[in-house]
Amino acid sequence: MGKLDGKVAFITGAARGQGRSHAVRLAEEGADIIAVDLCGQIRTVGYPMSQPDDLAETVKQVEALDRRIVARQADVRDLTALKTAVSEGEAALGTVDIVIANAGIAVMGFAEADLEAAFRDVIDVNLIGVWNTVMAAVPSLLSKQAGSVVLTSSTMGLTGTGSTGDPGGVAYAAAKHGVVGLMRTFTNWLSPQGIRVNSIHPTGVNTPMIVNDAVAAFLAENHDGSDTMTNLMPVDMIEPIDVSNAVAWLVSDDARYVTGVTLPVDAGFTAK
């Protein structure tokens, strides 16, 4: 038996990276999955974003664990599209018990004409998209007065360390701090009704959002050689499963009285 048998998890950004890892890890514990991803490109994002084949691979991996999954292409900036994905997923799997607001982008190093667009795109996806994700699924949790919500923030949502004056980096830090504000207000709203809300704060994770030519070029040009971007533990990046293991714990009954916390999974980054 798994710790999440009979549960349904709604996960955004599920086509690859942390989102896929969360879907597979929760499926290992018995959860069925509603998986959402844009599966398309945002103009200001300098690295290749996920495609439909990536989401299909997530479906394949979850089904290989003998769990059910409903996958939909939807933009977290579009609340109506997320509500539709939740409705269609619940029709097949049952009502949502777990919400993982994971979808996010990193935008770095753009021409002057793109500065405002870069800032807005990051805020729209990484902050407004998190609010949309919760609002699309929270009626199901409220209907049963139970459930768990995990919002993906970052070490930059706790410290801001590593941001430069680049508008994408500033927006990223601001959005990830904003996610903490959402978590705390959602906690005060939902915890009295049996719904736990927490945020998770990874250091750099080995995913396509970080490991790509565009980000590598930006860091090479802007990194000042200091230790502000390093972890205390001797590891450059952590793996998606390291975050997924923490998420699986947070949404399980093992953490049944854990709510309102900012949980770092950061190899000591924020302890410096």
C-alpha atoms as a PDB file:
ATOM      1  CA  MET A   1       0.000   0.000   0.000  1.00  0.00           C
ATOM      2  CA  GLY A   2       1.123   3.522  -0.776  1.00  0.00           C
ATOM      3  CA  LYS A   3       0.763   6.557   1.447  1.00  0.00           C
ATOM      4  CA  LEU A   4      -1.435   8.262  -1.159  1.00  0.00           C
ATOM      5  CA  ASP A   5      -3.722   5.403  -2.182  1.00  0.00           C
ATOM      6  CA  GLY A   6      -7.076   6.718  -3.379  1.00  0.00           C
ATOM      7  CA  LYS A   7      -5.849  10.304  -3.726  1.00  0.00           C
ATOM      8  CA  VAL A   8      -5.980  12.489  -6.845  1.00  0.00           C
ATOM      9  CA  ALA A   9      -3.206  15.028  -7.406  1.00  0.00           C
ATOM     10  CA  PHE A  10      -3.466  18.053  -9.703  1.00  0.00           C
ATOM     11  CA  ILE A  11       0.024  19.034 -10.904  1.00  0.00           C
ATOM     12  CA  THR A  12       1.011  21.903 -13.189  1.00  0.00           C
ATOM     13  CA  GLY A  13       4.188  21.999 -15.253  1.00  0.00           C
ATOM     14  CA  ALA A  14       3.967  18.227 -15.358  1.00  0.00           C
ATOM     15  CA  ALA A  15       5.450  17.544 -18.792  1.00  0.00           C
ATOM     16  CA  ARG A  16       9.053  17.365 -17.609  1.00  0.00           C
ATOM     17  CA  GLY A  17      11.482  18.433 -14.888  1.00  0.00           C
ATOM     18  CA  GLN A  18      10.183  18.725 -11.346  1.00  0.00           C
ATOM     19  CA  GLY A  19       6.558  18.428 -12.446  1.00  0.00           C
ATOM     20  CA  ARG A  20       7.066  15.050 -14.095  1.00  0.00           C
ATOM     21  CA  SER A  21       9.130  13.873 -11.142  1.00  0.00           C
ATOM     22  CA  HIS A  22       6.344  14.886  -8.735  1.00  0.00           C
ATOM     23  CA  ALA A  23       3.743  13.077 -10.841  1.00  0.00           C
ATOM     24  CA  VAL A  24       5.765   9.864 -10.916  1.00  0.00           C
ATOM     25  CA  ARG A  25       6.710  10.019  -7.231  1.00  0.00           C
ATOM     26  CA  LEU A  26       3.128  10.595  -6.096  1.00  0.00           C
ATOM     27  CA  ALA A  27       1.962   7.814  -8.424  1.00  0.00           C
ATOM     28  CA  GLU A  28       4.490   5.514  -6.744  1.00  0.00           C
ATOM     29  CA  GLU A  29       2.630   6.237  -3.514  1.00  0.00           C
ATOM     30  CA  GLY A  30      -0.710   5.365  -5.099  1.00  0.00           C
ATOM     31  CA  ALA A  31      -2.053   8.699  -6.324  1.00  0.00           C
ATOM     32  CA  ASP A  32      -3.821   9.234  -9.629  1.00  0.00           C
ATOM     33  CA  ILE A  33      -2.731  12.333 -11.509  1.00  0.00           C
ATOM     34  CA  ILE A  34      -4.261  15.271 -13.353  1.00  0.00           C
ATOM     35  CA  ALA A  35      -1.267  16.617 -15.269  1.00  0.00           C
ATOM     36  CA  VAL A  36      -1.220  20.026 -16.939  1.00  0.00           C
ATOM     37  CA  ASP A  37       1.427  21.759 -19.011  1.00  0.00           C
ATOM     38  CA  LEU A  38       1.535  24.513 -21.631  1.00  0.00           C
ATOM     39  CA  CYS A  39       3.565  22.340 -24.043  1.00  0.00           C
ATOM     40  CA  GLY A  40       4.514  25.374 -26.068  1.00  0.00           C
ATOM     41  CA  GLN A  41       6.894  28.315 -26.192  1.00  0.00           C
ATOM     42  CA  ILE A  42       6.643  31.702 -24.500  1.00  0.00           C
ATOM     43  CA  ARG A  43       8.413  34.296 -26.645  1.00  0.00           C
ATOM     44  CA  THR A  44      10.627  35.784 -23.939  1.00  0.00           C
ATOM     45  CA  VAL A  45      11.874  32.401 -22.689  1.00  0.00           C
ATOM     46  CA  GLY A  46      15.281  31.753 -24.201  1.00  0.00           C
ATOM     47  CA  TYR A  47      15.405  27.977 -23.794  1.00  0.00           C
ATOM     48  CA  PRO A  48      13.153  25.362 -25.454  1.00  0.00           C
ATOM     49  CA  MET A  49      10.069  24.774 -23.339  1.00  0.00           C
ATOM     50  CA  SER A  50       8.151  21.520 -23.081  1.00  0.00           C
ATOM     51  CA  GLN A  51       6.290  19.996 -26.020  1.00  0.00           C
ATOM     52  CA  PRO A  52       3.369  17.546 -26.309  1.00  0.00           C
ATOM     53  CA  ASP A  53       5.783  14.606 -26.542  1.00  0.00           C
ATOM     54  CA  ASP A  54       7.113  15.508 -23.091  1.00  0.00           C
ATOM     55  CA  LEU A  55       3.646  15.365 -21.577  1.00  0.00           C
ATOM     56  CA  ALA A  56       3.036  12.053 -23.327  1.00  0.00           C
ATOM     57  CA  GLU A  57       6.177  10.705 -21.663  1.00  0.00           C
ATOM     58  CA  THR A  58       4.832  11.722 -18.252  1.00  0.00           C
ATOM     59  CA  VAL A  59       1.639   9.817 -19.044  1.00  0.00           C
ATOM     60  CA  LYS A  60       3.688   6.781 -20.047  1.00  0.00           C
ATOM     61  CA  GLN A  61       5.714   6.806 -16.846  1.00  0.00           C
ATOM     62  CA  VAL A  62       2.686   7.198 -14.580  1.00  0.00           C
ATOM     63  CA  GLU A  63       0.744   4.469 -16.388  1.00  0.00           C
ATOM     64  CA  ALA A  64       3.760   2.158 -16.089  1.00  0.00           C
ATOM     65  CA  LEU A  65       3.154   2.334 -12.329  1.00  0.00           C
ATOM     66  CA  ASP A  66      -0.426   1.123 -12.891  1.00  0.00           C
ATOM     67  CA  ARG A  67      -1.874   4.479 -11.927  1.00  0.00           C
ATOM     68  CA  ARG A  68      -4.400   6.550 -13.845  1.00  0.00           C
ATOM     69  CA  ILE A  69      -3.567   9.926 -15.364  1.00  0.00           C
ATOM     70  CA  VAL A  70      -5.465  12.595 -17.271  1.00  0.00           C
ATOM     71  CA  ALA A  71      -3.122  14.966 -19.114  1.00  0.00           C
ATOM     72  CA  ARG A  72      -4.154  18.267 -20.658  1.00  0.00           C
ATOM     73  CA  GLN A  73      -2.366  21.094 -22.412  1.00  0.00           C
ATOM     74  CA  ALA A  74      -3.309  24.273 -20.563  1.00  0.00           C
ATOM     75  CA  ASP A  75      -1.695  27.595 -19.722  1.00  0.00           C
ATOM     76  CA  VAL A  76      -1.512  28.436 -16.009  1.00  0.00           C
ATOM     77  CA  ARG A  77      -2.119  32.071 -16.993  1.00  0.00           C
ATOM     78  CA  ASP A  78      -5.617  31.013 -18.084  1.00  0.00           C
ATOM     79  CA  LEU A  79      -7.861  30.258 -15.095  1.00  0.00           C
ATOM     80  CA  THR A  80     -10.710  29.027 -17.284  1.00  0.00           C
ATOM     81  CA  ALA A  81      -8.422  26.505 -19.001  1.00  0.00           C
ATOM     82  CA  LEU A  82      -7.224  25.200 -15.631  1.00  0.00           C
ATOM     83  CA  LYS A  83     -10.786  24.843 -14.365  1.00  0.00           C
ATOM     84  CA  THR A  84     -11.622  22.846 -17.482  1.00  0.00           C
ATOM     85  CA  ALA A  85      -8.616  20.573 -16.969  1.00  0.00           C
ATOM     86  CA  VAL A  86      -9.616  19.963 -13.351  1.00  0.00           C
ATOM     87  CA  SER A  87     -13.230  19.267 -14.336  1.00  0.00           C
ATOM     88  CA  GLU A  88     -12.241  16.798 -17.045  1.00  0.00           C
ATOM     89  CA  GLY A  89      -9.715  15.108 -14.783  1.00  0.00           C
ATOM     90  CA  GLU A  90     -12.198  14.768 -11.942  1.00  0.00           C
ATOM     91  CA  ALA A  91     -14.786  13.262 -14.278  1.00  0.00           C
ATOM     92  CA  ALA A  92     -12.349  10.421 -14.928  1.00  0.00           C
ATOM     93  CA  LEU A  93     -10.523  10.098 -11.622  1.00  0.00           C
ATOM     94  CA  GLY A  94     -12.583  11.630  -8.826  1.00  0.00           C
ATOM     95  CA  THR A  95     -12.208  14.873  -6.917  1.00  0.00           C
ATOM     96  CA  VAL A  96      -8.826  16.451  -6.299  1.00  0.00           C
ATOM     97  CA  ASP A  97      -7.142  15.907  -2.924  1.00  0.00           C
ATOM     98  CA  ILE A  98      -3.685  17.343  -3.641  1.00  0.00           C
ATOM     99  CA  VAL A  99      -2.642  20.482  -5.513  1.00  0.00           C
ATOM    100  CA  ILE A 100       0.962  20.994  -6.654  1.00  0.00           C
ATOM    101  CA  ALA A 101       1.411  24.462  -8.199  1.00  0.00           C
ATOM    102  CA  ASN A 102       4.730  23.747  -9.888  1.00  0.00           C
ATOM    103  CA  ALA A 103       4.732  25.416 -13.322  1.00  0.00           C
ATOM    104  CA  GLY A 104       7.345  28.132 -13.729  1.00  0.00           C
ATOM    105  CA  ILE A 105       9.718  29.831 -16.149  1.00  0.00           C
ATOM    106  CA  ALA A 106      13.082  31.581 -15.965  1.00  0.00           C
ATOM    107  CA  VAL A 107      13.696  34.547 -18.253  1.00  0.00           C
ATOM    108  CA  MET A 108      17.179  36.025 -18.484  1.00  0.00           C
ATOM    109  CA  GLY A 109      19.168  38.421 -20.638  1.00  0.00           C
ATOM    110  CA  PHE A 110      16.908  40.063 -23.213  1.00  0.00           C
ATOM    111  CA  ALA A 111      17.126  43.025 -25.551  1.00  0.00           C
ATOM    112  CA  GLU A 112      15.979  46.385 -24.196  1.00  0.00           C
ATOM    113  CA  ALA A 113      12.725  46.195 -26.135  1.00  0.00           C
ATOM    114  CA  ASP A 114      11.797  42.977 -24.297  1.00  0.00           C
ATOM    115  CA  LEU A 115      12.425  44.145 -20.741  1.00  0.00           C
ATOM    116  CA  GLU A 116       8.809  44.839 -19.805  1.00  0.00           C
ATOM    117  CA  ALA A 117       7.556  41.711 -21.560  1.00  0.00           C
ATOM    118  CA  ALA A 118      10.142  39.568 -19.776  1.00  0.00           C
ATOM    119  CA  PHE A 119       9.135  40.947 -16.380  1.00  0.00           C
ATOM    120  CA  ARG A 120       5.418  40.482 -17.022  1.00  0.00           C
ATOM    121  CA  ASP A 121       5.754  36.953 -18.393  1.00  0.00           C
ATOM    122  CA  VAL A 122       7.592  35.756 -15.276  1.00  0.00           C
ATOM    123  CA  ILE A 123       5.073  37.364 -12.913  1.00  0.00           C
ATOM    124  CA  ASP A 124       2.143  36.022 -14.943  1.00  0.00           C
ATOM    125  CA  VAL A 125       3.407  32.421 -14.947  1.00  0.00           C
ATOM    126  CA  ASN A 126       5.257  32.158 -11.631  1.00  0.00           C
ATOM    127  CA  LEU A 127       2.881  34.124  -9.417  1.00  0.00           C
ATOM    128  CA  ILE A 128      -0.506  34.625 -11.047  1.00  0.00           C
ATOM    129  CA  GLY A 129      -0.284  31.082 -12.419  1.00  0.00           C
ATOM    130  CA  VAL A 130       0.111  29.759  -8.879  1.00  0.00           C
ATOM    131  CA  TRP A 131      -2.976  31.647  -7.717  1.00  0.00           C
ATOM    132  CA  ASN A 132      -4.906  30.366 -10.740  1.00  0.00           C
ATOM    133  CA  THR A 133      -3.832  26.789 -10.008  1.00  0.00           C
ATOM    134  CA  VAL A 134      -5.101  26.876  -6.454  1.00  0.00           C
ATOM    135  CA  MET A 135      -8.329  28.641  -7.350  1.00  0.00           C
ATOM    136  CA  ALA A 136      -9.080  26.099 -10.093  1.00  0.00           C
ATOM    137  CA  ALA A 137      -8.863  23.146  -7.715  1.00  0.00           C
ATOM    138  CA  VAL A 138      -9.662  24.478  -4.253  1.00  0.00           C
ATOM    139  CA  PRO A 139     -13.456  23.981  -4.547  1.00  0.00           C
ATOM    140  CA  SER A 140     -12.840  20.224  -4.544  1.00  0.00           C
ATOM    141  CA  LEU A 141     -10.761  20.418  -1.378  1.00  0.00           C
ATOM    142  CA  LEU A 142     -13.312  22.635   0.297  1.00  0.00           C
ATOM    143  CA  SER A 143     -16.098  20.213  -0.600  1.00  0.00           C
ATOM    144  CA  LYS A 144     -14.454  17.509   1.508  1.00  0.00           C
ATOM    145  CA  GLN A 145     -12.846  19.798   4.102  1.00  0.00           C
ATOM    146  CA  ALA A 146      -9.514  18.075   3.545  1.00  0.00           C
ATOM    147  CA  GLY A 147      -6.483  18.107   1.296  1.00  0.00           C
ATOM    148  CA  SER A 148      -2.993  19.438   0.812  1.00  0.00           C
ATOM    149  CA  VAL A 149      -1.546  22.235  -1.328  1.00  0.00           C
ATOM    150  CA  VAL A 150       2.141  22.684  -2.147  1.00  0.00           C
ATOM    151  CA  LEU A 151       3.350  25.820  -3.913  1.00  0.00           C
ATOM    152  CA  THR A 152       6.740  25.727  -5.623  1.00  0.00           C
ATOM    153  CA  SER A 153       8.834  28.727  -4.692  1.00  0.00           C
ATOM    154  CA  SER A 154      12.652  28.841  -4.640  1.00  0.00           C
ATOM    155  CA  THR A 155      15.595  29.777  -2.464  1.00  0.00           C
ATOM    156  CA  MET A 156      15.149  33.131  -4.215  1.00  0.00           C
ATOM    157  CA  GLY A 157      11.742  33.318  -2.560  1.00  0.00           C
ATOM    158  CA  LEU A 158      13.455  33.399   0.816  1.00  0.00           C
ATOM    159  CA  THR A 159      16.597  35.438   0.205  1.00  0.00           C
ATOM    160  CA  GLY A 160      16.691  36.983  -3.285  1.00  0.00           C
ATOM    161  CA  THR A 161      20.336  35.927  -3.457  1.00  0.00           C
ATOM    162  CA  GLY A 162      21.567  35.378  -6.981  1.00  0.00           C
ATOM    163  CA  SER A 163      19.345  37.920  -8.702  1.00  0.00           C
ATOM    164  CA  THR A 164      20.898  40.641 -10.857  1.00  0.00           C
ATOM    165  CA  GLY A 165      19.337  43.777 -12.266  1.00  0.00           C
ATOM    166  CA  ASP A 166      18.090  41.757 -15.219  1.00  0.00           C
ATOM    167  CA  PRO A 167      14.286  42.161 -15.282  1.00  0.00           C
ATOM    168  CA  GLY A 168      13.703  38.435 -15.631  1.00  0.00           C
ATOM    169  CA  GLY A 169      15.799  37.746 -12.547  1.00  0.00           C
ATOM    170  CA  VAL A 170      14.141  40.522 -10.565  1.00  0.00           C
ATOM    171  CA  ALA A 171      10.719  39.240 -11.578  1.00  0.00           C
ATOM    172  CA  TYR A 172      11.699  35.692 -10.626  1.00  0.00           C
ATOM    173  CA  ALA A 173      12.733  36.730  -7.115  1.00  0.00           C
ATOM    174  CA  ALA A 174       9.651  38.924  -6.719  1.00  0.00           C
ATOM    175  CA  ALA A 175       7.306  36.181  -7.934  1.00  0.00           C
ATOM    176  CA  LYS A 176       8.861  33.551  -5.703  1.00  0.00           C
ATOM    177  CA  HIS A 177       8.568  35.880  -2.699  1.00  0.00           C
ATOM    178  CA  GLY A 178       4.968  36.462  -3.754  1.00  0.00           C
ATOM    179  CA  VAL A 179       4.359  32.719  -3.689  1.00  0.00           C
ATOM    180  CA  VAL A 180       5.248  32.782   0.018  1.00  0.00           C
ATOM    181  CA  GLY A 181       2.640  35.498   0.512  1.00  0.00           C
ATOM    182  CA  LEU A 182       0.071  33.366  -1.282  1.00  0.00           C
ATOM    183  CA  MET A 183       1.011  30.355   0.833  1.00  0.00           C
ATOM    184  CA  ARG A 184       0.583  32.262   4.083  1.00  0.00           C
ATOM    185  CA  THR A 185      -2.743  33.815   3.148  1.00  0.00           C
ATOM    186  CA  PHE A 186      -4.043  30.516   1.771  1.00  0.00           C
ATOM    187  CA  THR A 187      -2.911  28.843   4.998  1.00  0.00           C
ATOM    188  CA  ASN A 188      -4.968  31.217   7.117  1.00  0.00           C
ATOM    189  CA  TRP A 189      -7.978  30.742   4.845  1.00  0.00           C
ATOM    190  CA  LEU A 190      -7.825  26.993   4.308  1.00  0.00           C
ATOM    191  CA  SER A 191      -6.171  25.368   7.331  1.00  0.00           C
ATOM    192  CA  PRO A 192      -9.208  25.944   9.607  1.00  0.00           C
ATOM    193  CA  GLN A 193     -11.120  23.919   7.026  1.00  0.00           C
ATOM    194  CA  GLY A 194      -8.766  20.946   7.156  1.00  0.00           C
ATOM    195  CA  ILE A 195      -6.652  21.898   4.120  1.00  0.00           C
ATOM    196  CA  ARG A 196      -2.886  22.203   4.612  1.00  0.00           C
ATOM    197  CA  VAL A 197      -0.841  24.673   2.567  1.00  0.00           C
ATOM    198  CA  ASN A 198       2.951  24.823   2.356  1.00  0.00           C
ATOM    199  CA  SER A 199       5.634  26.155   0.030  1.00  0.00           C
ATOM    200  CA  ILE A 200       8.792  24.362  -1.061  1.00  0.00           C
ATOM    201  CA  HIS A 201      12.054  26.134  -1.817  1.00  0.00           C
ATOM    202  CA  PRO A 202      14.599  24.255  -3.929  1.00  0.00           C
ATOM    203  CA  THR A 203      18.081  25.416  -4.751  1.00  0.00           C
ATOM    204  CA  GLY A 204      19.148  24.892  -8.369  1.00  0.00           C
ATOM    205  CA  VAL A 205      17.599  21.702  -9.723  1.00  0.00           C
ATOM    206  CA  ASN A 206      18.897  19.626 -12.632  1.00  0.00           C
ATOM    207  CA  THR A 207      16.024  20.338 -15.037  1.00  0.00           C
ATOM    208  CA  PRO A 208      15.748  21.830 -18.544  1.00  0.00           C
ATOM    209  CA  MET A 209      14.776  25.194 -17.030  1.00  0.00           C
ATOM    210  CA  ILE A 210      18.263  25.506 -15.524  1.00  0.00           C
ATOM    211  CA  VAL A 211      20.443  23.212 -17.624  1.00  0.00           C
ATOM    212  CA  ASN A 212      20.341  24.819 -21.059  1.00  0.00           C
ATOM    213  CA  ASP A 213      22.520  26.974 -23.289  1.00  0.00           C
ATOM    214  CA  ALA A 214      20.638  30.214 -22.656  1.00  0.00           C
ATOM    215  CA  VAL A 215      20.963  30.077 -18.874  1.00  0.00           C
ATOM    216  CA  ALA A 216      24.578  28.896 -19.085  1.00  0.00           C
ATOM    217  CA  ALA A 217      25.503  31.854 -21.304  1.00  0.00           C
ATOM    218  CA  PHE A 218      23.737  34.320 -19.025  1.00  0.00           C
ATOM    219  CA  LEU A 219      25.426  32.985 -15.893  1.00  0.00           C
ATOM    220  CA  ALA A 220      28.838  32.981 -17.567  1.00  0.00           C
ATOM    221  CA  GLU A 221      28.413  36.645 -18.455  1.00  0.00           C
ATOM    222  CA  ASN A 222      26.866  37.830 -15.178  1.00  0.00           C
ATOM    223  CA  HIS A 223      28.327  35.615 -12.448  1.00  0.00           C
ATOM    224  CA  ASP A 224      30.774  37.649 -10.344  1.00  0.00           C
ATOM    225  CA  GLY A 225      32.826  34.707  -9.107  1.00  0.00           C
ATOM    226  CA  SER A 226      31.542  34.935  -5.539  1.00  0.00           C
ATOM    227  CA  ASP A 227      29.905  32.125  -3.587  1.00  0.00           C
ATOM    228  CA  THR A 228      26.430  33.691  -3.619  1.00  0.00           C
ATOM    229  CA  MET A 229      25.173  31.066  -6.070  1.00  0.00           C
ATOM    230  CA  THR A 230      26.671  28.035  -4.316  1.00  0.00           C
ATOM    231  CA  ASN A 231      25.269  25.555  -1.828  1.00  0.00           C
ATOM    232  CA  LEU A 232      26.867  24.803   1.536  1.00  0.00           C
ATOM    233  CA  MET A 233      26.825  21.096   0.804  1.00  0.00           C
ATOM    234  CA  PRO A 234      29.278  20.001  -1.912  1.00  0.00           C
ATOM    235  CA  VAL A 235      26.771  19.677  -4.746  1.00  0.00           C
ATOM    236  CA  ASP A 236      26.194  22.124  -7.611  1.00  0.00           C
ATOM    237  CA  MET A 237      22.568  21.138  -8.135  1.00  0.00           C
ATOM    238  CA  ILE A 238      20.075  18.768  -6.628  1.00  0.00           C
ATOM    239  CA  GLU A 239      17.954  16.310  -8.613  1.00  0.00           C
ATOM    240  CA  PRO A 240      14.184  16.557  -9.202  1.00  0.00           C
ATOM    241  CA  ILE A 241      13.592  13.459  -7.056  1.00  0.00           C
ATOM    242  CA  ASP A 242      15.092  15.276  -4.076  1.00  0.00           C
ATOM    243  CA  VAL A 243      12.300  17.827  -4.311  1.00  0.00           C
ATOM    244  CA  SER A 244       9.677  15.197  -5.120  1.00  0.00           C
ATOM    245  CA  ASN A 245      10.514  13.199  -1.999  1.00  0.00           C
ATOM    246  CA  ALA A 246       9.879  16.298   0.105  1.00  0.00           C
ATOM    247  CA  VAL A 247       6.628  16.993  -1.744  1.00  0.00           C
ATOM    248  CA  ALA A 248       5.463  13.402  -1.234  1.00  0.00           C
ATOM    249  CA  TRP A 249       6.077  13.783   2.490  1.00  0.00           C
ATOM    250  CA  LEU A 250       4.306  17.151   2.701  1.00  0.00           C
ATOM    251  CA  VAL A 251       1.121  15.861   1.057  1.00  0.00           C
ATOM    252  CA  SER A 252       1.013  12.603   3.038  1.00  0.00           C
ATOM    253  CA  ASP A 253      -0.461  11.964   6.469  1.00  0.00           C
ATOM    254  CA  ASP A 254       3.103  11.812   7.785  1.00  0.00           C
ATOM    255  CA  ALA A 255       2.918  15.618   7.676  1.00  0.00           C
ATOM    256  CA  ARG A 256      -0.725  15.861   8.736  1.00  0.00           C
ATOM    257  CA  TYR A 257      -0.147  18.800  11.087  1.00  0.00           C
ATOM    258  CA  VAL A 258       2.428  20.607   8.937  1.00  0.00           C
ATOM    259  CA  THR A 259       0.933  23.755   7.443  1.00  0.00           C
ATOM    260  CA  GLY A 260       2.120  27.264   6.732  1.00  0.00           C
ATOM    261  CA  VAL A 261       5.815  26.344   6.404  1.00  0.00           C
ATOM    262  CA  THR A 262       8.469  27.403   3.902  1.00  0.00           C
ATOM    263  CA  LEU A 263      10.422  24.187   3.421  1.00  0.00           C
ATOM    264  CA  PRO A 264      13.894  24.564   1.887  1.00  0.00           C
ATOM    265  CA  VAL A 265      15.322  21.663  -0.109  1.00  0.00           C
ATOM    266  CA  ASP A 266      18.497  23.531  -0.811  1.00  0.00           C
ATOM    267  CA  ALA A 267      21.697  21.764   0.303  1.00  0.00           C
ATOM    268  CA  GLY A 268      22.220  24.574   2.807  1.00  0.00           C
ATOM    269  CA  PHE A 269      21.871  27.481   0.352  1.00  0.00           C
ATOM    270  CA  THR A 270      19.653  29.595   2.626  1.00  0.00           C
ATOM    271  CA  ALA A 271      21.695  28.824   5.759  1.00  0.00           C
ATOM    272  CA  LYS A 272      24.603  30.977   4.582  1.00  0.00           C
END
